[in-house]
Structures are given as structure tokens and as C-alpha cells.
Amino acid sequence: MDVKAKVEEIVKKIQADPNLLKEFQSDPVKVVEKLAGVDIPDGVEDQLVAGVKNALAGNKVGNVVDSAVDAVKGLFGGNKEE
């Protein structure tokens, strides 16, 4: 699975649901893990959450996720891009 696509999917879900956005603001790791469907390893959480936050702020997902891709390869069942 494409990590960038997964982050984009998470961002879209958060943007579409004001309650989910509030939950993300109070516990971003929990929300990202819930929406991703995986337990994010310690040390990777901050990078993924930062990517989602930056994307929510209007930055391109590709630019904010690239730095975390090596750390999360295989997390969503495959490489950065399949």
C-alpha cells in the first residue's frame, strides 16, 4: 500500500468529520492508528502525525510524508509504493 495514499485517506476522513477533527486535536496518535487500522510503532508516530497535521494545514502530503516513508515501510502492508 502507498503510504502517501494512506495519509491522504486519513486526512480526508478527518476533514470530513468535525468530531474526528476534535478527537485528532486531543489525541492525534490514537486517531491516526484507528483510521490506519494498525498500531504505529513508537518513534514513527510523531512523523506520521506531523504528516497528517501538515496535510490538514494545506501542505502537499508528498512533501511532508517523504521524510517518514523509510521509517514506515511495510507498516501498511508493503513498500512506499507498490
PDB file of N, CA and C in Angstrom:
ATOM      1  N   MET A   1       0.835  -1.183   0.000  1.00  0.00           N
ATOM      2  CA  MET A   1       0.000   0.000   0.000  1.00  0.00           C
ATOM      3  C   MET A   1       0.876   1.242   0.000  1.00  0.00           C
ATOM      4  N   ASP A   2       0.433   2.245  -0.654  1.00  0.00           N
ATOM      5  CA  ASP A   2       1.135   3.511  -0.772  1.00  0.00           C
ATOM      6  C   ASP A   2       0.923   4.330   0.501  1.00  0.00           C
ATOM      7  N   VAL A   3       2.010   4.652   1.186  1.00  0.00           N
ATOM      8  CA  VAL A   3       1.930   5.396   2.448  1.00  0.00           C
ATOM      9  C   VAL A   3       1.315   6.767   2.217  1.00  0.00           C
ATOM     10  N   LYS A   4       1.712   7.436   1.142  1.00  0.00           N
ATOM     11  CA  LYS A   4       1.145   8.753   0.847  1.00  0.00           C
ATOM     12  C   LYS A   4      -0.364   8.666   0.674  1.00  0.00           C
ATOM     13  N   ALA A   5      -0.814   7.637  -0.020  1.00  0.00           N
ATOM     14  CA  ALA A   5      -2.249   7.457  -0.242  1.00  0.00           C
ATOM     15  C   ALA A   5      -2.968   7.213   1.078  1.00  0.00           C
ATOM     16  N   LYS A   6      -2.342   6.463   1.972  1.00  0.00           N
ATOM     17  CA  LYS A   6      -2.952   6.192   3.273  1.00  0.00           C
ATOM     18  C   LYS A   6      -3.083   7.480   4.077  1.00  0.00           C
ATOM     19  N   VAL A   7      -2.041   8.324   4.063  1.00  0.00           N
ATOM     20  CA  VAL A   7      -2.104   9.596   4.783  1.00  0.00           C
ATOM     21  C   VAL A   7      -3.183  10.483   4.170  1.00  0.00           C
ATOM     22  N   GLU A   8      -3.259  10.518   2.847  1.00  0.00           N
ATOM     23  CA  GLU A   8      -4.298  11.308   2.186  1.00  0.00           C
ATOM     24  C   GLU A   8      -5.687  10.824   2.590  1.00  0.00           C
ATOM     25  N   GLU A   9      -5.850   9.519   2.679  1.00  0.00           N
ATOM     26  CA  GLU A   9      -7.131   8.926   3.091  1.00  0.00           C
ATOM     27  C   GLU A   9      -7.487   9.363   4.516  1.00  0.00           C
ATOM     28  N   ILE A  10      -6.505   9.309   5.401  1.00  0.00           N
ATOM     29  CA  ILE A  10      -6.721   9.714   6.791  1.00  0.00           C
ATOM     30  C   ILE A  10      -7.095  11.187   6.861  1.00  0.00           C
ATOM     31  N   VAL A  11      -6.383  12.012   6.113  1.00  0.00           N
ATOM     32  CA  VAL A  11      -6.657  13.456   6.105  1.00  0.00           C
ATOM     33  C   VAL A  11      -8.074  13.731   5.627  1.00  0.00           C
ATOM     34  N   LYS A  12      -8.499  13.071   4.556  1.00  0.00           N
ATOM     35  CA  LYS A  12      -9.849  13.275   4.027  1.00  0.00           C
ATOM     36  C   LYS A  12     -10.913  12.903   5.062  1.00  0.00           C
ATOM     37  N   LYS A  13     -10.692  11.805   5.772  1.00  0.00           N
ATOM     38  CA  LYS A  13     -11.656  11.383   6.786  1.00  0.00           C
ATOM     39  C   LYS A  13     -11.734  12.396   7.920  1.00  0.00           C
ATOM     40  N   ILE A  14     -10.591  12.916   8.340  1.00  0.00           N
ATOM     41  CA  ILE A  14     -10.572  13.900   9.424  1.00  0.00           C
ATOM     42  C   ILE A  14     -11.233  15.201   8.963  1.00  0.00           C
ATOM     43  N   GLN A  15     -10.954  15.633   7.742  1.00  0.00           N
ATOM     44  CA  GLN A  15     -11.541  16.859   7.221  1.00  0.00           C
ATOM     45  C   GLN A  15     -13.053  16.754   7.086  1.00  0.00           C
ATOM     46  N   ALA A  16     -13.550  15.569   6.807  1.00  0.00           N
ATOM     47  CA  ALA A  16     -14.979  15.365   6.573  1.00  0.00           C
ATOM     48  C   ALA A  16     -15.793  15.241   7.853  1.00  0.00           C
ATOM     49  N   ASP A  17     -15.135  15.068   8.990  1.00  0.00           N
ATOM     50  CA  ASP A  17     -15.852  14.805  10.240  1.00  0.00           C
ATOM     51  C   ASP A  17     -15.346  15.732  11.350  1.00  0.00           C
ATOM     52  N   PRO A  18     -16.129  16.770  11.683  1.00  0.00           N
ATOM     53  CA  PRO A  18     -15.699  17.721  12.720  1.00  0.00           C
ATOM     54  C   PRO A  18     -15.416  17.057  14.077  1.00  0.00           C
ATOM     55  N   ASN A  19     -16.162  16.017  14.410  1.00  0.00           N
ATOM     56  CA  ASN A  19     -15.914  15.316  15.670  1.00  0.00           C
ATOM     57  C   ASN A  19     -14.577  14.579  15.634  1.00  0.00           C
ATOM     58  N   LEU A  20     -14.277  14.003  14.502  1.00  0.00           N
ATOM     59  CA  LEU A  20     -12.998  13.311  14.332  1.00  0.00           C
ATOM     60  C   LEU A  20     -11.840  14.309  14.383  1.00  0.00           C
ATOM     61  N   LEU A  21     -12.054  15.493  13.839  1.00  0.00           N
ATOM     62  CA  LEU A  21     -11.035  16.539  13.900  1.00  0.00           C
ATOM     63  C   LEU A  21     -10.764  16.937  15.348  1.00  0.00           C
ATOM     64  N   LYS A  22     -11.815  17.092  16.134  1.00  0.00           N
ATOM     65  CA  LYS A  22     -11.642  17.414  17.558  1.00  0.00           C
ATOM     66  C   LYS A  22     -10.893  16.297  18.276  1.00  0.00           C
ATOM     67  N   GLU A  23     -11.252  15.061  17.966  1.00  0.00           N
ATOM     68  CA  GLU A  23     -10.576  13.911  18.573  1.00  0.00           C
ATOM     69  C   GLU A  23      -9.108  13.878  18.159  1.00  0.00           C
ATOM     70  N   PHE A  24      -8.830  14.185  16.885  1.00  0.00           N
ATOM     71  CA  PHE A  24      -7.458  14.226  16.398  1.00  0.00           C
ATOM     72  C   PHE A  24      -6.667  15.309  17.126  1.00  0.00           C
ATOM     73  N   GLN A  25      -7.276  16.437  17.360  1.00  0.00           N
ATOM     74  CA  GLN A  25      -6.597  17.536  18.047  1.00  0.00           C
ATOM     75  C   GLN A  25      -6.244  17.171  19.484  1.00  0.00           C
ATOM     76  N   SER A  26      -7.067  16.347  20.126  1.00  0.00           N
ATOM     77  CA  SER A  26      -6.784  15.974  21.517  1.00  0.00           C
ATOM     78  C   SER A  26      -5.897  14.736  21.633  1.00  0.00           C
ATOM     79  N   ASP A  27      -5.978  13.808  20.682  1.00  0.00           N
ATOM     80  CA  ASP A  27      -5.159  12.585  20.728  1.00  0.00           C
ATOM     81  C   ASP A  27      -4.847  12.126  19.308  1.00  0.00           C
ATOM     82  N   PRO A  28      -3.922  12.827  18.634  1.00  0.00           N
ATOM     83  CA  PRO A  28      -3.672  12.525  17.223  1.00  0.00           C
ATOM     84  C   PRO A  28      -3.170  11.115  16.944  1.00  0.00           C
ATOM     85  N   VAL A  29      -2.336  10.572  17.807  1.00  0.00           N
ATOM     86  CA  VAL A  29      -1.803   9.225  17.577  1.00  0.00           C
ATOM     87  C   VAL A  29      -2.934   8.207  17.585  1.00  0.00           C
ATOM     88  N   LYS A  30      -3.806   8.312  18.546  1.00  0.00           N
ATOM     89  CA  LYS A  30      -4.930   7.373  18.652  1.00  0.00           C
ATOM     90  C   LYS A  30      -5.796   7.418  17.394  1.00  0.00           C
ATOM     91  N   VAL A  31      -6.087   8.622  16.910  1.00  0.00           N
ATOM     92  CA  VAL A  31      -6.936   8.771  15.730  1.00  0.00           C
ATOM     93  C   VAL A  31      -6.238   8.215  14.487  1.00  0.00           C
ATOM     94  N   VAL A  32      -4.968   8.529  14.310  1.00  0.00           N
ATOM     95  CA  VAL A  32      -4.240   8.027  13.142  1.00  0.00           C
ATOM     96  C   VAL A  32      -4.177   6.505  13.174  1.00  0.00           C
ATOM     97  N   GLU A  33      -3.898   5.934  14.337  1.00  0.00           N
ATOM     98  CA  GLU A  33      -3.865   4.467  14.447  1.00  0.00           C
ATOM     99  C   GLU A  33      -5.227   3.863  14.135  1.00  0.00           C
ATOM    100  N   LYS A  34      -6.289   4.485  14.651  1.00  0.00           N
ATOM    101  CA  LYS A  34      -7.635   3.969  14.415  1.00  0.00           C
ATOM    102  C   LYS A  34      -7.976   4.015  12.925  1.00  0.00           C
ATOM    103  N   LEU A  35      -7.689   5.128  12.281  1.00  0.00           N
ATOM    104  CA  LEU A  35      -8.023   5.271  10.872  1.00  0.00           C
ATOM    105  C   LEU A  35      -7.109   4.450   9.962  1.00  0.00           C
ATOM    106  N   ALA A  36      -5.863   4.264  10.378  1.00  0.00           N
ATOM    107  CA  ALA A  36      -4.927   3.467   9.589  1.00  0.00           C
ATOM    108  C   ALA A  36      -5.175   1.978   9.755  1.00  0.00           C
ATOM    109  N   GLY A  37      -5.734   1.619  10.899  1.00  0.00           N
ATOM    110  CA  GLY A  37      -6.004   0.207  11.156  1.00  0.00           C
ATOM    111  C   GLY A  37      -4.790  -0.571  11.605  1.00  0.00           C
ATOM    112  N   VAL A  38      -3.753   0.142  12.063  1.00  0.00           N
ATOM    113  CA  VAL A  38      -2.533  -0.512  12.535  1.00  0.00           C
ATOM    114  C   VAL A  38      -2.030   0.193  13.792  1.00  0.00           C
ATOM    115  N   ASP A  39      -1.247  -0.536  14.582  1.00  0.00           N
ATOM    116  CA  ASP A  39      -0.573   0.045  15.726  1.00  0.00           C
ATOM    117  C   ASP A  39       0.732   0.651  15.212  1.00  0.00           C
ATOM    118  N   ILE A  40       0.852   1.946  15.321  1.00  0.00           N
ATOM    119  CA  ILE A  40       2.037   2.630  14.803  1.00  0.00           C
ATOM    120  C   ILE A  40       3.154   2.509  15.831  1.00  0.00           C
ATOM    121  N   PRO A  41       4.307   2.027  15.402  1.00  0.00           N
ATOM    122  CA  PRO A  41       5.430   1.858  16.337  1.00  0.00           C
ATOM    123  C   PRO A  41       5.910   3.182  16.919  1.00  0.00           C
ATOM    124  N   ASP A  42       6.400   3.122  18.166  1.00  0.00           N
ATOM    125  CA  ASP A  42       6.985   4.300  18.783  1.00  0.00           C
ATOM    126  C   ASP A  42       8.110   4.810  17.898  1.00  0.00           C
ATOM    127  N   GLY A  43       8.259   6.090  17.829  1.00  0.00           N
ATOM    128  CA  GLY A  43       9.295   6.689  17.004  1.00  0.00           C
ATOM    129  C   GLY A  43       8.813   7.032  15.607  1.00  0.00           C
ATOM    130  N   VAL A  44       7.768   6.358  15.162  1.00  0.00           N
ATOM    131  CA  VAL A  44       7.194   6.635  13.852  1.00  0.00           C
ATOM    132  C   VAL A  44       5.945   7.487  14.015  1.00  0.00           C
ATOM    133  N   GLU A  45       5.315   7.369  15.177  1.00  0.00           N
ATOM    134  CA  GLU A  45       4.073   8.086  15.454  1.00  0.00           C
ATOM    135  C   GLU A  45       4.192   9.576  15.166  1.00  0.00           C
ATOM    136  N   ASP A  46       5.222  10.196  15.711  1.00  0.00           N
ATOM    137  CA  ASP A  46       5.386  11.641  15.561  1.00  0.00           C
ATOM    138  C   ASP A  46       5.506  12.050  14.105  1.00  0.00           C
ATOM    139  N   GLN A  47       6.221  11.250  13.320  1.00  0.00           N
ATOM    140  CA  GLN A  47       6.404  11.578  11.907  1.00  0.00           C
ATOM    141  C   GLN A  47       5.089  11.484  11.140  1.00  0.00           C
ATOM    142  N   LEU A  48       4.307  10.439  11.388  1.00  0.00           N
ATOM    143  CA  LEU A  48       3.031  10.291  10.693  1.00  0.00           C
ATOM    144  C   LEU A  48       2.040  11.356  11.127  1.00  0.00           C
ATOM    145  N   VAL A  49       1.980  11.610  12.418  1.00  0.00           N
ATOM    146  CA  VAL A  49       1.078  12.642  12.919  1.00  0.00           C
ATOM    147  C   VAL A  49       1.466  13.999  12.345  1.00  0.00           C
ATOM    148  N   ALA A  50       2.762  14.280  12.280  1.00  0.00           N
ATOM    149  CA  ALA A  50       3.222  15.543  11.689  1.00  0.00           C
ATOM    150  C   ALA A  50       2.806  15.629  10.225  1.00  0.00           C
ATOM    151  N   GLY A  51       2.895  14.514   9.517  1.00  0.00           N
ATOM    152  CA  GLY A  51       2.464  14.487   8.124  1.00  0.00           C
ATOM    153  C   GLY A  51       0.990  14.781   7.975  1.00  0.00           C
ATOM    154  N   VAL A  52       0.176  14.191   8.829  1.00  0.00           N
ATOM    155  CA  VAL A  52      -1.267  14.441   8.786  1.00  0.00           C
ATOM    156  C   VAL A  52      -1.559  15.893   9.152  1.00  0.00           C
ATOM    157  N   LYS A  53      -0.914  16.401  10.192  1.00  0.00           N
ATOM    158  CA  LYS A  53      -1.129  17.798  10.598  1.00  0.00           C
ATOM    159  C   LYS A  53      -0.748  18.757   9.480  1.00  0.00           C
ATOM    160  N   ASN A  54       0.385  18.518   8.841  1.00  0.00           N
ATOM    161  CA  ASN A  54       0.810  19.382   7.744  1.00  0.00           C
ATOM    162  C   ASN A  54      -0.162  19.313   6.576  1.00  0.00           C
ATOM    163  N   ALA A  55      -0.652  18.130   6.284  1.00  0.00           N
ATOM    164  CA  ALA A  55      -1.614  17.981   5.194  1.00  0.00           C
ATOM    165  C   ALA A  55      -2.924  18.691   5.536  1.00  0.00           C
ATOM    166  N   LEU A  56      -3.343  18.607   6.791  1.00  0.00           N
ATOM    167  CA  LEU A  56      -4.548  19.316   7.215  1.00  0.00           C
ATOM    168  C   LEU A  56      -4.355  20.827   7.112  1.00  0.00           C
ATOM    169  N   ALA A  57      -3.128  21.279   7.255  1.00  0.00           N
ATOM    170  CA  ALA A  57      -2.813  22.707   7.158  1.00  0.00           C
ATOM    171  C   ALA A  57      -2.708  23.165   5.711  1.00  0.00           C
ATOM    172  N   GLY A  58      -2.842  22.235   4.771  1.00  0.00           N
ATOM    173  CA  GLY A  58      -2.842  22.601   3.369  1.00  0.00           C
ATOM    174  C   GLY A  58      -1.561  22.300   2.620  1.00  0.00           C
ATOM    175  N   ASN A  59      -0.605  21.691   3.268  1.00  0.00           N
ATOM    176  CA  ASN A  59       0.636  21.322   2.591  1.00  0.00           C
ATOM    177  C   ASN A  59       0.435  20.036   1.805  1.00  0.00           C
ATOM    178  N   LYS A  60       1.205  19.846   0.761  1.00  0.00           N
ATOM    179  CA  LYS A  60       1.096  18.634  -0.037  1.00  0.00           C
ATOM    180  C   LYS A  60       1.559  17.435   0.785  1.00  0.00           C
ATOM    181  N   VAL A  61       0.776  16.378   0.753  1.00  0.00           N
ATOM    182  CA  VAL A  61       1.091  15.174   1.520  1.00  0.00           C
ATOM    183  C   VAL A  61       2.452  14.613   1.133  1.00  0.00           C
ATOM    184  N   GLY A  62       2.761  14.584  -0.136  1.00  0.00           N
ATOM    185  CA  GLY A  62       4.035  14.027  -0.584  1.00  0.00           C
ATOM    186  C   GLY A  62       5.224  14.710   0.045  1.00  0.00           C
ATOM    187  N   ASN A  63       5.147  16.002   0.205  1.00  0.00           N
ATOM    188  CA  ASN A  63       6.269  16.745   0.768  1.00  0.00           C
ATOM    189  C   ASN A  63       6.472  16.459   2.251  1.00  0.00           C
ATOM    190  N   VAL A  64       5.405  16.200   2.984  1.00  0.00           N
ATOM    191  CA  VAL A  64       5.532  16.001   4.422  1.00  0.00           C
ATOM    192  C   VAL A  64       5.704  14.549   4.809  1.00  0.00           C
ATOM    193  N   VAL A  65       5.364  13.632   3.920  1.00  0.00           N
ATOM    194  CA  VAL A  65       5.449  12.207   4.241  1.00  0.00           C
ATOM    195  C   VAL A  65       6.779  11.610   3.815  1.00  0.00           C
ATOM    196  N   ASP A  66       7.413  12.169   2.803  1.00  0.00           N
ATOM    197  CA  ASP A  66       8.645  11.582   2.279  1.00  0.00           C
ATOM    198  C   ASP A  66       9.681  11.317   3.356  1.00  0.00           C
ATOM    199  N   SER A  67       9.801  12.207   4.317  1.00  0.00           N
ATOM    200  CA  SER A  67      10.810  12.016   5.358  1.00  0.00           C
ATOM    201  C   SER A  67      10.491  10.842   6.271  1.00  0.00           C
ATOM    202  N   ALA A  68       9.244  10.444   6.336  1.00  0.00           N
ATOM    203  CA  ALA A  68       8.850   9.356   7.228  1.00  0.00           C
ATOM    204  C   ALA A  68       8.720   8.016   6.513  1.00  0.00           C
ATOM    205  N   VAL A  69       8.775   8.015   5.201  1.00  0.00           N
ATOM    206  CA  VAL A  69       8.494   6.801   4.439  1.00  0.00           C
ATOM    207  C   VAL A  69       9.426   5.656   4.803  1.00  0.00           C
ATOM    208  N   ASP A  70      10.713   5.910   4.898  1.00  0.00           N
ATOM    209  CA  ASP A  70      11.638   4.832   5.233  1.00  0.00           C
ATOM    210  C   ASP A  70      11.304   4.214   6.581  1.00  0.00           C
ATOM    211  N   ALA A  71      10.857   5.032   7.510  1.00  0.00           N
ATOM    212  CA  ALA A  71      10.529   4.544   8.847  1.00  0.00           C
ATOM    213  C   ALA A  71       9.263   3.703   8.856  1.00  0.00           C
ATOM    214  N   VAL A  72       8.377   3.917   7.896  1.00  0.00           N
ATOM    215  CA  VAL A  72       7.098   3.217   7.922  1.00  0.00           C
ATOM    216  C   VAL A  72       6.938   2.192   6.809  1.00  0.00           C
ATOM    217  N   LYS A  73       7.983   1.942   6.046  1.00  0.00           N
ATOM    218  CA  LYS A  73       7.875   0.914   5.004  1.00  0.00           C
ATOM    219  C   LYS A  73       7.393  -0.392   5.623  1.00  0.00           C
ATOM    220  N   GLY A  74       6.412  -0.961   5.006  1.00  0.00           N
ATOM    221  CA  GLY A  74       5.877  -2.220   5.497  1.00  0.00           C
ATOM    222  C   GLY A  74       4.785  -2.062   6.542  1.00  0.00           C
ATOM    223  N   LEU A  75       4.642  -0.872   7.098  1.00  0.00           N
ATOM    224  CA  LEU A  75       3.643  -0.646   8.146  1.00  0.00           C
ATOM    225  C   LEU A  75       2.224  -0.895   7.631  1.00  0.00           C
ATOM    226  N   PHE A  76       1.968  -0.495   6.398  1.00  0.00           N
ATOM    227  CA  PHE A  76       0.641  -0.663   5.830  1.00  0.00           C
ATOM    228  C   PHE A  76       0.602  -1.817   4.838  1.00  0.00           C
ATOM    229  N   GLY A  77       1.486  -2.777   5.015  1.00  0.00           N
ATOM    230  CA  GLY A  77       1.444  -3.973   4.212  1.00  0.00           C
ATOM    231  C   GLY A  77       2.257  -3.929   2.937  1.00  0.00           C
ATOM    232  N   GLY A  78       3.231  -3.067   2.863  1.00  0.00           N
ATOM    233  CA  GLY A  78       4.052  -3.038   1.663  1.00  0.00           C
ATOM    234  C   GLY A  78       5.041  -1.905   1.696  1.00  0.00           C
ATOM    235  N   ASN A  79       5.644  -1.660   0.558  1.00  0.00           N
ATOM    236  CA  ASN A  79       6.621  -0.589   0.415  1.00  0.00           C
ATOM    237  C   ASN A  79       5.918   0.742   0.239  1.00  0.00           C
ATOM    238  N   LYS A  80       6.721   1.793   0.091  1.00  0.00           N
ATOM    239  CA  LYS A  80       6.203   3.138  -0.121  1.00  0.00           C
ATOM    240  C   LYS A  80       5.175   3.128  -1.251  1.00  0.00           C
ATOM    241  N   GLU A  81       5.508   2.513  -2.322  1.00  0.00           N
ATOM    242  CA  GLU A  81       4.583   2.405  -3.449  1.00  0.00           C
ATOM    243  C   GLU A  81       4.687   0.991  -3.989  1.00  0.00           C
ATOM    244  N   GLU A  82       3.563   0.429  -4.309  1.00  0.00           N
ATOM    245  CA  GLU A  82       3.559  -0.927  -4.879  1.00  0.00           C
ATOM    246  C   GLU A  82       3.292  -0.858  -6.349  1.00  0.00           C
TER     247      GLU A  82
END
